[in-house]
Amino acid sequence: MPDVPPAFHDLFEQATFAHVVTMFPNGMPHASPVWVDYDAADNRVLVNTERHRQKARNVERNPAVAVSMVDPEDPYRYLSVSGEVAEMTTEGAREHIEKLAQRYVGGEYPSEIVSERVLLRIRPERVFTSGTNE
């Protein structure tokens, strides 16, 4: 199982938007822009969502996902991860969305929570990169 290269960890330390791709029941892909994070100690890409949203419903049926992000300062530098949601948990999800809100909007999470927050912990199986941060 490949790790996200350390040279790309900075993408998770700034307000870098990603697109996560899940699969509808009929096999068609579903892409959503998301806030994204990385747990380097466990080598998991983290996507925080609500249980009622399509991406959460899709991964409950099929854990295969892809996540792609482009460096906001250099569009030719990117990271793409394909893998599976190894865990979907509510544990720590509410606190995690507040941490992401600080990074992305500089304050509290700005939207009403309709159902419950869930954290998708994605295990990379393939990692693709282009460019460097040097």
C-alpha atoms as a PDB file:
ATOM      1  CA  MET A   1       0.000   0.000   0.000  1.00  0.00           C
ATOM      2  CA  PRO A   2       1.674   3.242  -1.137  1.00  0.00           C
ATOM      3  CA  ASP A   3       1.951   6.307   1.078  1.00  0.00           C
ATOM      4  CA  VAL A   4       1.205   9.846   0.020  1.00  0.00           C
ATOM      5  CA  PRO A   5       4.710  11.229  -0.656  1.00  0.00           C
ATOM      6  CA  PRO A   6       5.904  13.688   2.010  1.00  0.00           C
ATOM      7  CA  ALA A   7       6.586  16.250  -0.742  1.00  0.00           C
ATOM      8  CA  PHE A   8       2.790  16.469  -1.201  1.00  0.00           C
ATOM      9  CA  HIS A   9       1.717  16.637   2.462  1.00  0.00           C
ATOM     10  CA  ASP A  10       1.615  20.436   2.197  1.00  0.00           C
ATOM     11  CA  LEU A  11      -1.510  20.133   0.026  1.00  0.00           C
ATOM     12  CA  PHE A  12      -3.334  18.918   3.136  1.00  0.00           C
ATOM     13  CA  GLU A  13      -2.066  21.839   5.226  1.00  0.00           C
ATOM     14  CA  GLN A  14      -3.698  24.546   3.100  1.00  0.00           C
ATOM     15  CA  ALA A  15      -7.195  25.071   1.706  1.00  0.00           C
ATOM     16  CA  THR A  16      -6.745  22.680  -1.195  1.00  0.00           C
ATOM     17  CA  PHE A  17     -10.039  21.461  -2.622  1.00  0.00           C
ATOM     18  CA  ALA A  18     -10.261  17.902  -3.880  1.00  0.00           C
ATOM     19  CA  HIS A  19     -12.727  15.906  -5.911  1.00  0.00           C
ATOM     20  CA  VAL A  20     -13.799  12.550  -4.561  1.00  0.00           C
ATOM     21  CA  VAL A  21     -15.265  10.011  -6.965  1.00  0.00           C
ATOM     22  CA  THR A  22     -17.621   7.301  -5.733  1.00  0.00           C
ATOM     23  CA  MET A  23     -19.813   4.925  -7.687  1.00  0.00           C
ATOM     24  CA  PHE A  24     -23.592   5.098  -8.081  1.00  0.00           C
ATOM     25  CA  PRO A  25     -25.436   1.744  -7.789  1.00  0.00           C
ATOM     26  CA  ASN A  26     -25.655   1.574 -11.614  1.00  0.00           C
ATOM     27  CA  GLY A  27     -21.855   1.842 -11.953  1.00  0.00           C
ATOM     28  CA  MET A  28     -21.752   5.471 -13.065  1.00  0.00           C
ATOM     29  CA  PRO A  29     -19.162   7.656 -11.320  1.00  0.00           C
ATOM     30  CA  HIS A  30     -20.201  10.474  -8.987  1.00  0.00           C
ATOM     31  CA  ALA A  31     -17.688  13.314  -8.418  1.00  0.00           C
ATOM     32  CA  SER A  32     -17.983  15.815  -5.566  1.00  0.00           C
ATOM     33  CA  PRO A  33     -15.745  18.735  -4.559  1.00  0.00           C
ATOM     34  CA  VAL A  34     -14.679  18.287  -0.923  1.00  0.00           C
ATOM     35  CA  TRP A  35     -12.462  19.553   1.829  1.00  0.00           C
ATOM     36  CA  VAL A  36      -9.729  16.991   2.399  1.00  0.00           C
ATOM     37  CA  ASP A  37      -7.232  15.960   5.061  1.00  0.00           C
ATOM     38  CA  TYR A  38      -4.534  13.340   5.569  1.00  0.00           C
ATOM     39  CA  ASP A  39      -3.647  11.146   8.546  1.00  0.00           C
ATOM     40  CA  ALA A  40       0.046  10.515   7.853  1.00  0.00           C
ATOM     41  CA  ALA A  41       0.463   8.214  10.864  1.00  0.00           C
ATOM     42  CA  ASP A  42      -2.192   5.827   9.493  1.00  0.00           C
ATOM     43  CA  ASN A  43      -1.705   6.668   5.770  1.00  0.00           C
ATOM     44  CA  ARG A  44      -5.373   7.559   5.264  1.00  0.00           C
ATOM     45  CA  VAL A  45      -6.882  10.320   3.141  1.00  0.00           C
ATOM     46  CA  LEU A  46      -9.803  11.804   5.083  1.00  0.00           C
ATOM     47  CA  VAL A  47     -13.061  13.087   3.651  1.00  0.00           C
ATOM     48  CA  ASN A  48     -15.697  14.435   6.035  1.00  0.00           C
ATOM     49  CA  THR A  49     -19.325  14.361   4.911  1.00  0.00           C
ATOM     50  CA  GLU A  50     -22.848  13.790   6.204  1.00  0.00           C
ATOM     51  CA  ARG A  51     -24.450  10.377   6.330  1.00  0.00           C
ATOM     52  CA  HIS A  52     -27.370  11.412   4.074  1.00  0.00           C
ATOM     53  CA  ARG A  53     -25.168  12.681   1.228  1.00  0.00           C
ATOM     54  CA  GLN A  54     -24.748  10.703  -1.974  1.00  0.00           C
ATOM     55  CA  LYS A  55     -21.036   9.987  -1.528  1.00  0.00           C
ATOM     56  CA  ALA A  56     -21.659   8.420   1.896  1.00  0.00           C
ATOM     57  CA  ARG A  57     -24.507   6.305   0.538  1.00  0.00           C
ATOM     58  CA  ASN A  58     -22.348   5.240  -2.410  1.00  0.00           C
ATOM     59  CA  VAL A  59     -19.395   4.071  -0.293  1.00  0.00           C
ATOM     60  CA  GLU A  60     -21.711   2.059   1.941  1.00  0.00           C
ATOM     61  CA  ARG A  61     -22.467  -0.045  -1.156  1.00  0.00           C
ATOM     62  CA  ASN A  62     -19.083   0.159  -2.867  1.00  0.00           C
ATOM     63  CA  PRO A  63     -15.985   1.351  -0.964  1.00  0.00           C
ATOM     64  CA  ALA A  64     -13.927   2.001  -4.137  1.00  0.00           C
ATOM     65  CA  VAL A  65     -13.059   5.700  -4.452  1.00  0.00           C
ATOM     66  CA  ALA A  66     -10.647   8.113  -6.080  1.00  0.00           C
ATOM     67  CA  VAL A  67      -9.537  11.495  -4.754  1.00  0.00           C
ATOM     68  CA  SER A  68      -7.774  14.100  -6.867  1.00  0.00           C
ATOM     69  CA  MET A  69      -6.423  17.490  -5.841  1.00  0.00           C
ATOM     70  CA  VAL A  70      -4.520  20.261  -7.615  1.00  0.00           C
ATOM     71  CA  ASP A  71      -2.088  22.604  -5.893  1.00  0.00           C
ATOM     72  CA  PRO A  72      -3.903  25.974  -5.688  1.00  0.00           C
ATOM     73  CA  GLU A  73      -0.623  27.758  -6.439  1.00  0.00           C
ATOM     74  CA  ASP A  74       0.562  25.479  -9.287  1.00  0.00           C
ATOM     75  CA  PRO A  75      -2.096  23.780 -11.431  1.00  0.00           C
ATOM     76  CA  TYR A  76       0.544  21.447 -12.910  1.00  0.00           C
ATOM     77  CA  ARG A  77       1.260  19.948  -9.489  1.00  0.00           C
ATOM     78  CA  TYR A  78      -1.300  17.401  -8.363  1.00  0.00           C
ATOM     79  CA  LEU A  79      -1.965  14.354  -6.249  1.00  0.00           C
ATOM     80  CA  SER A  80      -4.395  11.602  -7.151  1.00  0.00           C
ATOM     81  CA  VAL A  81      -5.233   8.639  -4.904  1.00  0.00           C
ATOM     82  CA  SER A  82      -7.260   5.558  -5.783  1.00  0.00           C
ATOM     83  CA  GLY A  83      -8.262   3.132  -3.072  1.00  0.00           C
ATOM     84  CA  GLU A  84     -11.018   2.052  -0.747  1.00  0.00           C
ATOM     85  CA  VAL A  85     -12.830   3.529   2.193  1.00  0.00           C
ATOM     86  CA  ALA A  86     -11.316   1.351   4.901  1.00  0.00           C
ATOM     87  CA  GLU A  87     -13.559   2.862   7.565  1.00  0.00           C
ATOM     88  CA  MET A  88     -16.606   5.128   7.719  1.00  0.00           C
ATOM     89  CA  THR A  89     -16.984   6.423  11.266  1.00  0.00           C
ATOM     90  CA  THR A  90     -18.793   9.082  13.252  1.00  0.00           C
ATOM     91  CA  GLU A  91     -16.078   9.013  15.919  1.00  0.00           C
ATOM     92  CA  GLY A  92     -14.336  12.387  15.905  1.00  0.00           C
ATOM     93  CA  ALA A  93     -16.139  13.469  12.720  1.00  0.00           C
ATOM     94  CA  ARG A  94     -17.812  16.533  14.275  1.00  0.00           C
ATOM     95  CA  GLU A  95     -14.528  17.778  15.730  1.00  0.00           C
ATOM     96  CA  HIS A  96     -12.758  17.050  12.455  1.00  0.00           C
ATOM     97  CA  ILE A  97     -15.155  19.192  10.383  1.00  0.00           C
ATOM     98  CA  GLU A  98     -14.494  22.099  12.772  1.00  0.00           C
ATOM     99  CA  LYS A  99     -10.734  21.620  12.267  1.00  0.00           C
ATOM    100  CA  LEU A 100     -11.258  21.677   8.493  1.00  0.00           C
ATOM    101  CA  ALA A 101     -13.463  24.773   8.768  1.00  0.00           C
ATOM    102  CA  GLN A 102     -10.597  26.618  10.439  1.00  0.00           C
ATOM    103  CA  ARG A 103      -8.357  25.757   7.482  1.00  0.00           C
ATOM    104  CA  TYR A 104     -10.866  26.386   4.703  1.00  0.00           C
ATOM    105  CA  VAL A 105     -12.963  29.320   5.977  1.00  0.00           C
ATOM    106  CA  GLY A 106     -11.019  30.581   8.981  1.00  0.00           C
ATOM    107  CA  GLY A 107     -13.826  29.986  11.479  1.00  0.00           C
ATOM    108  CA  GLU A 108     -16.649  27.704  12.526  1.00  0.00           C
ATOM    109  CA  TYR A 109     -18.255  25.246  10.132  1.00  0.00           C
ATOM    110  CA  PRO A 110     -20.670  27.471   8.190  1.00  0.00           C
ATOM    111  CA  SER A 111     -23.471  25.032   7.316  1.00  0.00           C
ATOM    112  CA  GLU A 112     -26.251  23.401   9.278  1.00  0.00           C
ATOM    113  CA  ILE A 113     -25.645  19.714   9.934  1.00  0.00           C
ATOM    114  CA  VAL A 114     -28.722  17.913   8.623  1.00  0.00           C
ATOM    115  CA  SER A 115     -27.973  14.291   9.567  1.00  0.00           C
ATOM    116  CA  GLU A 116     -24.688  13.342  11.232  1.00  0.00           C
ATOM    117  CA  ARG A 117     -21.065  13.870  10.254  1.00  0.00           C
ATOM    118  CA  VAL A 118     -19.111  10.833   9.096  1.00  0.00           C
ATOM    119  CA  LEU A 119     -15.431  10.512   8.364  1.00  0.00           C
ATOM    120  CA  LEU A 120     -14.377   8.481   5.329  1.00  0.00           C
ATOM    121  CA  ARG A 121     -10.917   7.032   5.975  1.00  0.00           C
ATOM    122  CA  ILE A 122      -9.497   6.134   2.562  1.00  0.00           C
ATOM    123  CA  ARG A 123      -6.699   3.574   2.233  1.00  0.00           C
ATOM    124  CA  PRO A 124      -4.527   4.429  -0.803  1.00  0.00           C
ATOM    125  CA  GLU A 125      -3.920   1.580  -3.223  1.00  0.00           C
ATOM    126  CA  ARG A 126      -2.471   3.721  -6.021  1.00  0.00           C
ATOM    127  CA  VAL A 127      -0.934   7.169  -5.698  1.00  0.00           C
ATOM    128  CA  PHE A 128      -0.181   9.364  -8.702  1.00  0.00           C
ATOM    129  CA  THR A 129       1.656  12.698  -8.538  1.00  0.00           C
ATOM    130  CA  SER A 130       2.964  15.339 -10.864  1.00  0.00           C
ATOM    131  CA  GLY A 131       5.272  18.246 -10.094  1.00  0.00           C
ATOM    132  CA  THR A 132       7.120  19.011  -6.897  1.00  0.00           C
ATOM    133  CA  ASN A 133       6.925  21.618  -4.202  1.00  0.00           C
ATOM    134  CA  GLU A 134      10.582  22.590  -4.573  1.00  0.00           C
END
